[in-house]
Amino acid sequence: EGELEPGFKALMLTLPGETDLASSIGKNVDPEQIHYARNLTASGIGKHLFQELMEIWQGVADDRDYNPNPEDSGRRSLRHAALTLIAAADVEKGAHLAYSHFASATNMTDKAGALSVLAHLDDPRRNEALDEFYADYSDDHLVVDKWFALNAQWPFPGCLQQTRKLMQHDAFNMAQPNRVRALVGTFAAANPVCFNALDGSGYQFVADTILELDKIN
């Protein structure tokens, strides 16, 4: 029998997103419990398969030049899927591997993949990597949109304060729809824990932003 393609293996290691899980439940959805249960599942899988995941991480490493072909793309996806579960099982180990990978990456895909893992962790290396990423790519408006979106996905209580602060960033402009979508839209659509905070602060933030946009739209 033929070996499964790396890209297919990556999909097998990737859990459904929190929004997908909420849609499947359909009613009486508790975003915080979904987040907790998904993280618990990822942590359990990561701990149970930790050695195998480390072998994937080390075995799929590739020092060849970047190539967008399906085989290489699949290998990168598999490595990032393994890293996500490693970080779920051991935040310290995952953050160390992700930051090292980010710092040594020779292409945007690898940098963004490592940063996507770091962006969801409560670890100081997250901020270091985000700052470096912005400094390196501040002239590329599409990458800056990606940077704003990654900041808005942090699933911890401080994210709302951080998102409000980023609206004062030199690169943020309420008159640029893509920039607003990257930051505020991502917060609302891809950060269910903070957007649906029990105190209503996430809803209030998005509502206030919509009212402000309405004046200039």
C-alpha atoms as a PDB file:
ATOM      1  CA  GLU A   1       0.000   0.000   0.000  1.00  0.00           C
ATOM      2  CA  GLY A   2       1.154   3.516  -0.734  1.00  0.00           C
ATOM      3  CA  GLU A   3       2.277   5.892   1.977  1.00  0.00           C
ATOM      4  CA  LEU A   4      -0.207   8.612   2.949  1.00  0.00           C
ATOM      5  CA  GLU A   5       0.747  12.036   1.670  1.00  0.00           C
ATOM      6  CA  PRO A   6       2.134  14.426   4.309  1.00  0.00           C
ATOM      7  CA  GLY A   7      -0.655  16.930   3.673  1.00  0.00           C
ATOM      8  CA  PHE A   8      -3.270  14.272   4.400  1.00  0.00           C
ATOM      9  CA  LYS A   9      -1.477  13.321   7.619  1.00  0.00           C
ATOM     10  CA  ALA A  10      -1.497  16.996   8.619  1.00  0.00           C
ATOM     11  CA  LEU A  11      -5.272  17.116   8.205  1.00  0.00           C
ATOM     12  CA  MET A  12      -5.622  13.985  10.343  1.00  0.00           C
ATOM     13  CA  LEU A  13      -3.675  15.690  13.155  1.00  0.00           C
ATOM     14  CA  THR A  14      -5.685  18.929  12.969  1.00  0.00           C
ATOM     15  CA  LEU A  15      -8.666  19.285  15.302  1.00  0.00           C
ATOM     16  CA  PRO A  16     -11.870  21.009  14.154  1.00  0.00           C
ATOM     17  CA  GLY A  17     -11.913  24.724  14.878  1.00  0.00           C
ATOM     18  CA  GLU A  18     -13.933  26.156  17.748  1.00  0.00           C
ATOM     19  CA  THR A  19     -16.368  27.838  15.355  1.00  0.00           C
ATOM     20  CA  ASP A  20     -16.948  24.527  13.559  1.00  0.00           C
ATOM     21  CA  LEU A  21     -17.595  22.809  16.871  1.00  0.00           C
ATOM     22  CA  ALA A  22     -20.039  25.532  17.890  1.00  0.00           C
ATOM     23  CA  SER A  23     -21.886  25.136  14.589  1.00  0.00           C
ATOM     24  CA  SER A  24     -22.127  21.384  15.135  1.00  0.00           C
ATOM     25  CA  ILE A  25     -23.590  21.875  18.617  1.00  0.00           C
ATOM     26  CA  GLY A  26     -26.061  24.338  17.159  1.00  0.00           C
ATOM     27  CA  LYS A  27     -27.709  25.762  20.292  1.00  0.00           C
ATOM     28  CA  ASN A  28     -26.913  26.709  23.885  1.00  0.00           C
ATOM     29  CA  VAL A  29     -23.305  27.123  22.822  1.00  0.00           C
ATOM     30  CA  ASP A  30     -20.742  27.920  25.529  1.00  0.00           C
ATOM     31  CA  PRO A  31     -17.621  29.264  23.732  1.00  0.00           C
ATOM     32  CA  GLU A  32     -15.480  29.061  26.871  1.00  0.00           C
ATOM     33  CA  GLN A  33     -16.329  25.396  27.441  1.00  0.00           C
ATOM     34  CA  ILE A  34     -15.694  24.581  23.780  1.00  0.00           C
ATOM     35  CA  HIS A  35     -12.312  26.285  24.020  1.00  0.00           C
ATOM     36  CA  TYR A  36     -11.495  24.386  27.216  1.00  0.00           C
ATOM     37  CA  ALA A  37     -12.629  21.018  25.815  1.00  0.00           C
ATOM     38  CA  ARG A  38     -10.759  21.484  22.534  1.00  0.00           C
ATOM     39  CA  ASN A  39      -7.560  22.467  24.360  1.00  0.00           C
ATOM     40  CA  LEU A  40      -7.960  19.503  26.728  1.00  0.00           C
ATOM     41  CA  THR A  41      -8.344  17.177  23.746  1.00  0.00           C
ATOM     42  CA  ALA A  42      -5.331  18.648  21.964  1.00  0.00           C
ATOM     43  CA  SER A  43      -3.278  18.400  25.147  1.00  0.00           C
ATOM     44  CA  GLY A  44      -4.294  14.776  25.662  1.00  0.00           C
ATOM     45  CA  ILE A  45      -3.428  13.825  22.088  1.00  0.00           C
ATOM     46  CA  GLY A  46      -0.172  15.743  22.323  1.00  0.00           C
ATOM     47  CA  LYS A  47       0.889  14.026  25.536  1.00  0.00           C
ATOM     48  CA  HIS A  48      -0.138  10.570  24.332  1.00  0.00           C
ATOM     49  CA  LEU A  49       1.701  10.952  21.019  1.00  0.00           C
ATOM     50  CA  PHE A  50       4.470  13.259  22.213  1.00  0.00           C
ATOM     51  CA  GLN A  51       7.376  11.078  21.094  1.00  0.00           C
ATOM     52  CA  GLU A  52       5.801  10.375  17.717  1.00  0.00           C
ATOM     53  CA  LEU A  53       5.062  14.078  17.235  1.00  0.00           C
ATOM     54  CA  MET A  54       8.656  14.970  18.089  1.00  0.00           C
ATOM     55  CA  GLU A  55       9.825  12.400  15.545  1.00  0.00           C
ATOM     56  CA  ILE A  56       7.578  14.016  12.944  1.00  0.00           C
ATOM     57  CA  TRP A  57       8.884  17.457  13.898  1.00  0.00           C
ATOM     58  CA  GLN A  58      12.485  16.351  13.547  1.00  0.00           C
ATOM     59  CA  GLY A  59      11.960  13.967  10.637  1.00  0.00           C
ATOM     60  CA  VAL A  60      10.094  16.374   8.378  1.00  0.00           C
ATOM     61  CA  ALA A  61      12.651  19.154   8.863  1.00  0.00           C
ATOM     62  CA  ASP A  62      13.871  20.330   5.498  1.00  0.00           C
ATOM     63  CA  ASP A  63      16.857  22.540   4.714  1.00  0.00           C
ATOM     64  CA  ARG A  64      16.140  22.613   0.988  1.00  0.00           C
ATOM     65  CA  ASP A  65      15.115  25.832  -0.751  1.00  0.00           C
ATOM     66  CA  TYR A  66      11.448  26.747  -0.482  1.00  0.00           C
ATOM     67  CA  ASN A  67       9.248  25.057  -3.069  1.00  0.00           C
ATOM     68  CA  PRO A  68       5.457  25.498  -3.305  1.00  0.00           C
ATOM     69  CA  ASN A  69       4.885  22.049  -4.818  1.00  0.00           C
ATOM     70  CA  PRO A  70       2.264  19.804  -3.128  1.00  0.00           C
ATOM     71  CA  GLU A  71       4.816  17.452  -1.561  1.00  0.00           C
ATOM     72  CA  ASP A  72       6.852  20.188   0.131  1.00  0.00           C
ATOM     73  CA  SER A  73       3.725  22.114   1.082  1.00  0.00           C
ATOM     74  CA  GLY A  74       2.328  18.978   2.688  1.00  0.00           C
ATOM     75  CA  ARG A  75       5.534  18.396   4.626  1.00  0.00           C
ATOM     76  CA  ARG A  76       5.399  21.929   6.010  1.00  0.00           C
ATOM     77  CA  SER A  77       1.736  21.499   6.959  1.00  0.00           C
ATOM     78  CA  LEU A  78       2.511  18.220   8.720  1.00  0.00           C
ATOM     79  CA  ARG A  79       5.343  19.781  10.678  1.00  0.00           C
ATOM     80  CA  HIS A  80       3.189  22.684  11.802  1.00  0.00           C
ATOM     81  CA  ALA A  81       0.339  20.333  12.765  1.00  0.00           C
ATOM     82  CA  ALA A  82       2.749  18.333  14.915  1.00  0.00           C
ATOM     83  CA  LEU A  83       4.105  21.530  16.488  1.00  0.00           C
ATOM     84  CA  THR A  84       0.580  22.664  17.398  1.00  0.00           C
ATOM     85  CA  LEU A  85      -0.049  19.445  19.343  1.00  0.00           C
ATOM     86  CA  ILE A  86       3.399  19.543  20.955  1.00  0.00           C
ATOM     87  CA  ALA A  87       2.641  23.061  22.206  1.00  0.00           C
ATOM     88  CA  ALA A  88      -0.757  21.930  23.493  1.00  0.00           C
ATOM     89  CA  ALA A  89       0.945  19.191  25.515  1.00  0.00           C
ATOM     90  CA  ASP A  90       3.910  21.257  26.720  1.00  0.00           C
ATOM     91  CA  VAL A  91       3.686  25.039  26.310  1.00  0.00           C
ATOM     92  CA  GLU A  92       7.317  25.624  27.242  1.00  0.00           C
ATOM     93  CA  LYS A  93       8.632  23.039  24.779  1.00  0.00           C
ATOM     94  CA  GLY A  94       6.232  24.155  22.067  1.00  0.00           C
ATOM     95  CA  ALA A  95       7.104  27.828  22.480  1.00  0.00           C
ATOM     96  CA  HIS A  96      10.823  27.022  22.378  1.00  0.00           C
ATOM     97  CA  LEU A  97      10.510  24.973  19.182  1.00  0.00           C
ATOM     98  CA  ALA A  98       8.172  27.487  17.554  1.00  0.00           C
ATOM     99  CA  TYR A  99      10.376  30.474  18.315  1.00  0.00           C
ATOM    100  CA  SER A 100      13.525  28.657  17.155  1.00  0.00           C
ATOM    101  CA  HIS A 101      11.727  27.676  13.954  1.00  0.00           C
ATOM    102  CA  PHE A 102      10.483  31.236  13.491  1.00  0.00           C
ATOM    103  CA  ALA A 103      13.963  32.702  13.994  1.00  0.00           C
ATOM    104  CA  SER A 104      15.653  30.300  11.572  1.00  0.00           C
ATOM    105  CA  ALA A 105      12.938  30.105   8.894  1.00  0.00           C
ATOM    106  CA  THR A 106      14.046  31.067   5.412  1.00  0.00           C
ATOM    107  CA  ASN A 107      10.597  31.573   3.911  1.00  0.00           C
ATOM    108  CA  MET A 108       7.361  33.366   4.795  1.00  0.00           C
ATOM    109  CA  THR A 109       5.311  30.149   5.064  1.00  0.00           C
ATOM    110  CA  ASP A 110       7.522  28.683   7.775  1.00  0.00           C
ATOM    111  CA  LYS A 111       7.731  31.985   9.652  1.00  0.00           C
ATOM    112  CA  ALA A 112       3.954  32.411   9.551  1.00  0.00           C
ATOM    113  CA  GLY A 113       3.391  28.782  10.552  1.00  0.00           C
ATOM    114  CA  ALA A 114       5.615  29.061  13.606  1.00  0.00           C
ATOM    115  CA  LEU A 115       4.130  32.435  14.493  1.00  0.00           C
ATOM    116  CA  SER A 116       0.583  31.046  14.235  1.00  0.00           C
ATOM    117  CA  VAL A 117       1.464  28.549  16.953  1.00  0.00           C
ATOM    118  CA  LEU A 118       3.156  31.174  19.132  1.00  0.00           C
ATOM    119  CA  ALA A 119       0.249  33.584  18.662  1.00  0.00           C
ATOM    120  CA  HIS A 120      -2.042  31.254  20.608  1.00  0.00           C
ATOM    121  CA  LEU A 121       0.335  30.667  23.539  1.00  0.00           C
ATOM    122  CA  ASP A 122       0.701  32.548  26.804  1.00  0.00           C
ATOM    123  CA  ASP A 123       4.461  32.855  26.542  1.00  0.00           C
ATOM    124  CA  PRO A 124       6.728  35.941  26.322  1.00  0.00           C
ATOM    125  CA  ARG A 125       8.307  34.630  23.115  1.00  0.00           C
ATOM    126  CA  ARG A 126       4.974  35.275  21.447  1.00  0.00           C
ATOM    127  CA  ASN A 127       5.406  39.041  21.745  1.00  0.00           C
ATOM    128  CA  GLU A 128       9.057  38.861  20.733  1.00  0.00           C
ATOM    129  CA  ALA A 129       8.198  36.991  17.536  1.00  0.00           C
ATOM    130  CA  LEU A 130       5.273  39.279  16.690  1.00  0.00           C
ATOM    131  CA  ASP A 131       7.470  42.357  17.135  1.00  0.00           C
ATOM    132  CA  GLU A 132      10.180  40.868  14.931  1.00  0.00           C
ATOM    133  CA  PHE A 133       7.651  39.834  12.292  1.00  0.00           C
ATOM    134  CA  TYR A 134       6.250  43.348  12.068  1.00  0.00           C
ATOM    135  CA  ALA A 135       9.707  44.918  11.945  1.00  0.00           C
ATOM    136  CA  ASP A 136      10.724  42.625   9.070  1.00  0.00           C
ATOM    137  CA  TYR A 137       7.574  43.014   6.970  1.00  0.00           C
ATOM    138  CA  SER A 138       6.123  46.420   7.885  1.00  0.00           C
ATOM    139  CA  ASP A 139       6.368  47.535   4.244  1.00  0.00           C
ATOM    140  CA  ASP A 140       4.100  44.726   2.996  1.00  0.00           C
ATOM    141  CA  HIS A 141       0.477  45.696   3.627  1.00  0.00           C
ATOM    142  CA  LEU A 142      -0.834  42.133   3.191  1.00  0.00           C
ATOM    143  CA  VAL A 143       1.627  40.775   5.736  1.00  0.00           C
ATOM    144  CA  VAL A 144       0.793  43.599   8.129  1.00  0.00           C
ATOM    145  CA  ASP A 145      -2.875  42.573   7.845  1.00  0.00           C
ATOM    146  CA  LYS A 146      -1.763  39.058   8.788  1.00  0.00           C
ATOM    147  CA  TRP A 147       0.142  40.495  11.748  1.00  0.00           C
ATOM    148  CA  PHE A 148      -2.898  42.372  13.038  1.00  0.00           C
ATOM    149  CA  ALA A 149      -5.015  39.216  12.654  1.00  0.00           C
ATOM    150  CA  LEU A 150      -2.531  37.077  14.581  1.00  0.00           C
ATOM    151  CA  ASN A 151      -2.547  39.591  17.436  1.00  0.00           C
ATOM    152  CA  ALA A 152      -6.342  39.462  17.626  1.00  0.00           C
ATOM    153  CA  GLN A 153      -6.490  35.662  17.949  1.00  0.00           C
ATOM    154  CA  TRP A 154      -4.795  35.421  21.354  1.00  0.00           C
ATOM    155  CA  PRO A 155      -7.357  33.491  23.480  1.00  0.00           C
ATOM    156  CA  PHE A 156      -6.538  35.137  26.814  1.00  0.00           C
ATOM    157  CA  PRO A 157      -8.258  37.944  28.783  1.00  0.00           C
ATOM    158  CA  GLY A 158      -5.618  40.534  27.860  1.00  0.00           C
ATOM    159  CA  CYS A 159      -6.454  40.283  24.167  1.00  0.00           C
ATOM    160  CA  LEU A 160      -9.229  42.869  24.219  1.00  0.00           C
ATOM    161  CA  GLN A 161      -6.977  45.465  25.830  1.00  0.00           C
ATOM    162  CA  GLN A 162      -4.253  44.583  23.339  1.00  0.00           C
ATOM    163  CA  THR A 163      -6.682  44.878  20.406  1.00  0.00           C
ATOM    164  CA  ARG A 164      -7.876  48.292  21.593  1.00  0.00           C
ATOM    165  CA  LYS A 165      -4.250  49.398  21.878  1.00  0.00           C
ATOM    166  CA  LEU A 166      -3.500  48.191  18.341  1.00  0.00           C
ATOM    167  CA  MET A 167      -6.245  50.464  17.018  1.00  0.00           C
ATOM    168  CA  GLN A 168      -3.883  53.309  17.990  1.00  0.00           C
ATOM    169  CA  HIS A 169      -0.973  51.722  16.118  1.00  0.00           C
ATOM    170  CA  ASP A 170       0.605  53.810  13.345  1.00  0.00           C
ATOM    171  CA  ALA A 171      -0.249  51.104  10.814  1.00  0.00           C
ATOM    172  CA  PHE A 172      -3.942  50.958  11.745  1.00  0.00           C
ATOM    173  CA  ASN A 173      -6.448  53.078   9.883  1.00  0.00           C
ATOM    174  CA  MET A 174     -10.215  52.947  10.377  1.00  0.00           C
ATOM    175  CA  ALA A 175     -10.619  54.135   6.782  1.00  0.00           C
ATOM    176  CA  GLN A 176      -8.951  50.953   5.457  1.00  0.00           C
ATOM    177  CA  PRO A 177     -11.549  48.141   5.374  1.00  0.00           C
ATOM    178  CA  ASN A 178      -8.977  45.337   5.109  1.00  0.00           C
ATOM    179  CA  ARG A 179      -7.079  46.628   8.124  1.00  0.00           C
ATOM    180  CA  VAL A 180     -10.263  46.865  10.216  1.00  0.00           C
ATOM    181  CA  ARG A 181     -11.309  43.398   9.065  1.00  0.00           C
ATOM    182  CA  ALA A 182      -7.868  42.000   9.941  1.00  0.00           C
ATOM    183  CA  LEU A 183      -7.951  43.295  13.509  1.00  0.00           C
ATOM    184  CA  VAL A 184     -11.547  43.787  14.629  1.00  0.00           C
ATOM    185  CA  GLY A 185     -13.030  41.231  12.242  1.00  0.00           C
ATOM    186  CA  THR A 186     -10.590  38.577  13.371  1.00  0.00           C
ATOM    187  CA  PHE A 187     -11.272  39.355  17.022  1.00  0.00           C
ATOM    188  CA  ALA A 188     -15.009  38.872  16.442  1.00  0.00           C
ATOM    189  CA  ALA A 189     -14.809  35.858  14.116  1.00  0.00           C
ATOM    190  CA  ALA A 190     -11.724  33.950  15.230  1.00  0.00           C
ATOM    191  CA  ASN A 191     -11.438  34.622  18.961  1.00  0.00           C
ATOM    192  CA  PRO A 192     -14.682  33.197  20.364  1.00  0.00           C
ATOM    193  CA  VAL A 193     -13.470  33.200  23.974  1.00  0.00           C
ATOM    194  CA  CYS A 194     -12.624  36.901  24.162  1.00  0.00           C
ATOM    195  CA  PHE A 195     -15.390  38.094  21.845  1.00  0.00           C
ATOM    196  CA  ASN A 196     -17.985  36.203  23.887  1.00  0.00           C
ATOM    197  CA  ALA A 197     -16.590  37.259  27.288  1.00  0.00           C
ATOM    198  CA  LEU A 198     -19.270  36.941  29.963  1.00  0.00           C
ATOM    199  CA  ASP A 199     -19.013  40.614  30.920  1.00  0.00           C
ATOM    200  CA  GLY A 200     -20.028  41.640  27.399  1.00  0.00           C
ATOM    201  CA  SER A 201     -16.821  43.613  26.839  1.00  0.00           C
ATOM    202  CA  GLY A 202     -16.126  41.912  23.511  1.00  0.00           C
ATOM    203  CA  TYR A 203     -19.595  42.704  22.188  1.00  0.00           C
ATOM    204  CA  GLN A 204     -19.326  46.289  23.405  1.00  0.00           C
ATOM    205  CA  PHE A 205     -15.965  46.737  21.678  1.00  0.00           C
ATOM    206  CA  VAL A 206     -17.241  45.454  18.337  1.00  0.00           C
ATOM    207  CA  ALA A 207     -20.481  47.444  18.625  1.00  0.00           C
ATOM    208  CA  ASP A 208     -18.553  50.641  19.365  1.00  0.00           C
ATOM    209  CA  THR A 209     -16.313  49.984  16.371  1.00  0.00           C
ATOM    210  CA  ILE A 210     -19.308  49.461  14.082  1.00  0.00           C
ATOM    211  CA  LEU A 211     -20.880  52.720  15.273  1.00  0.00           C
ATOM    212  CA  GLU A 212     -17.622  54.547  14.604  1.00  0.00           C
ATOM    213  CA  LEU A 213     -17.310  52.997  11.152  1.00  0.00           C
ATOM    214  CA  ASP A 214     -20.877  53.952  10.343  1.00  0.00           C
ATOM    215  CA  LYS A 215     -19.925  57.623  10.537  1.00  0.00           C
ATOM    216  CA  ILE A 216     -17.325  57.279   7.774  1.00  0.00           C
ATOM    217  CA  ASN A 217     -18.754  54.444   5.667  1.00  0.00           C
END
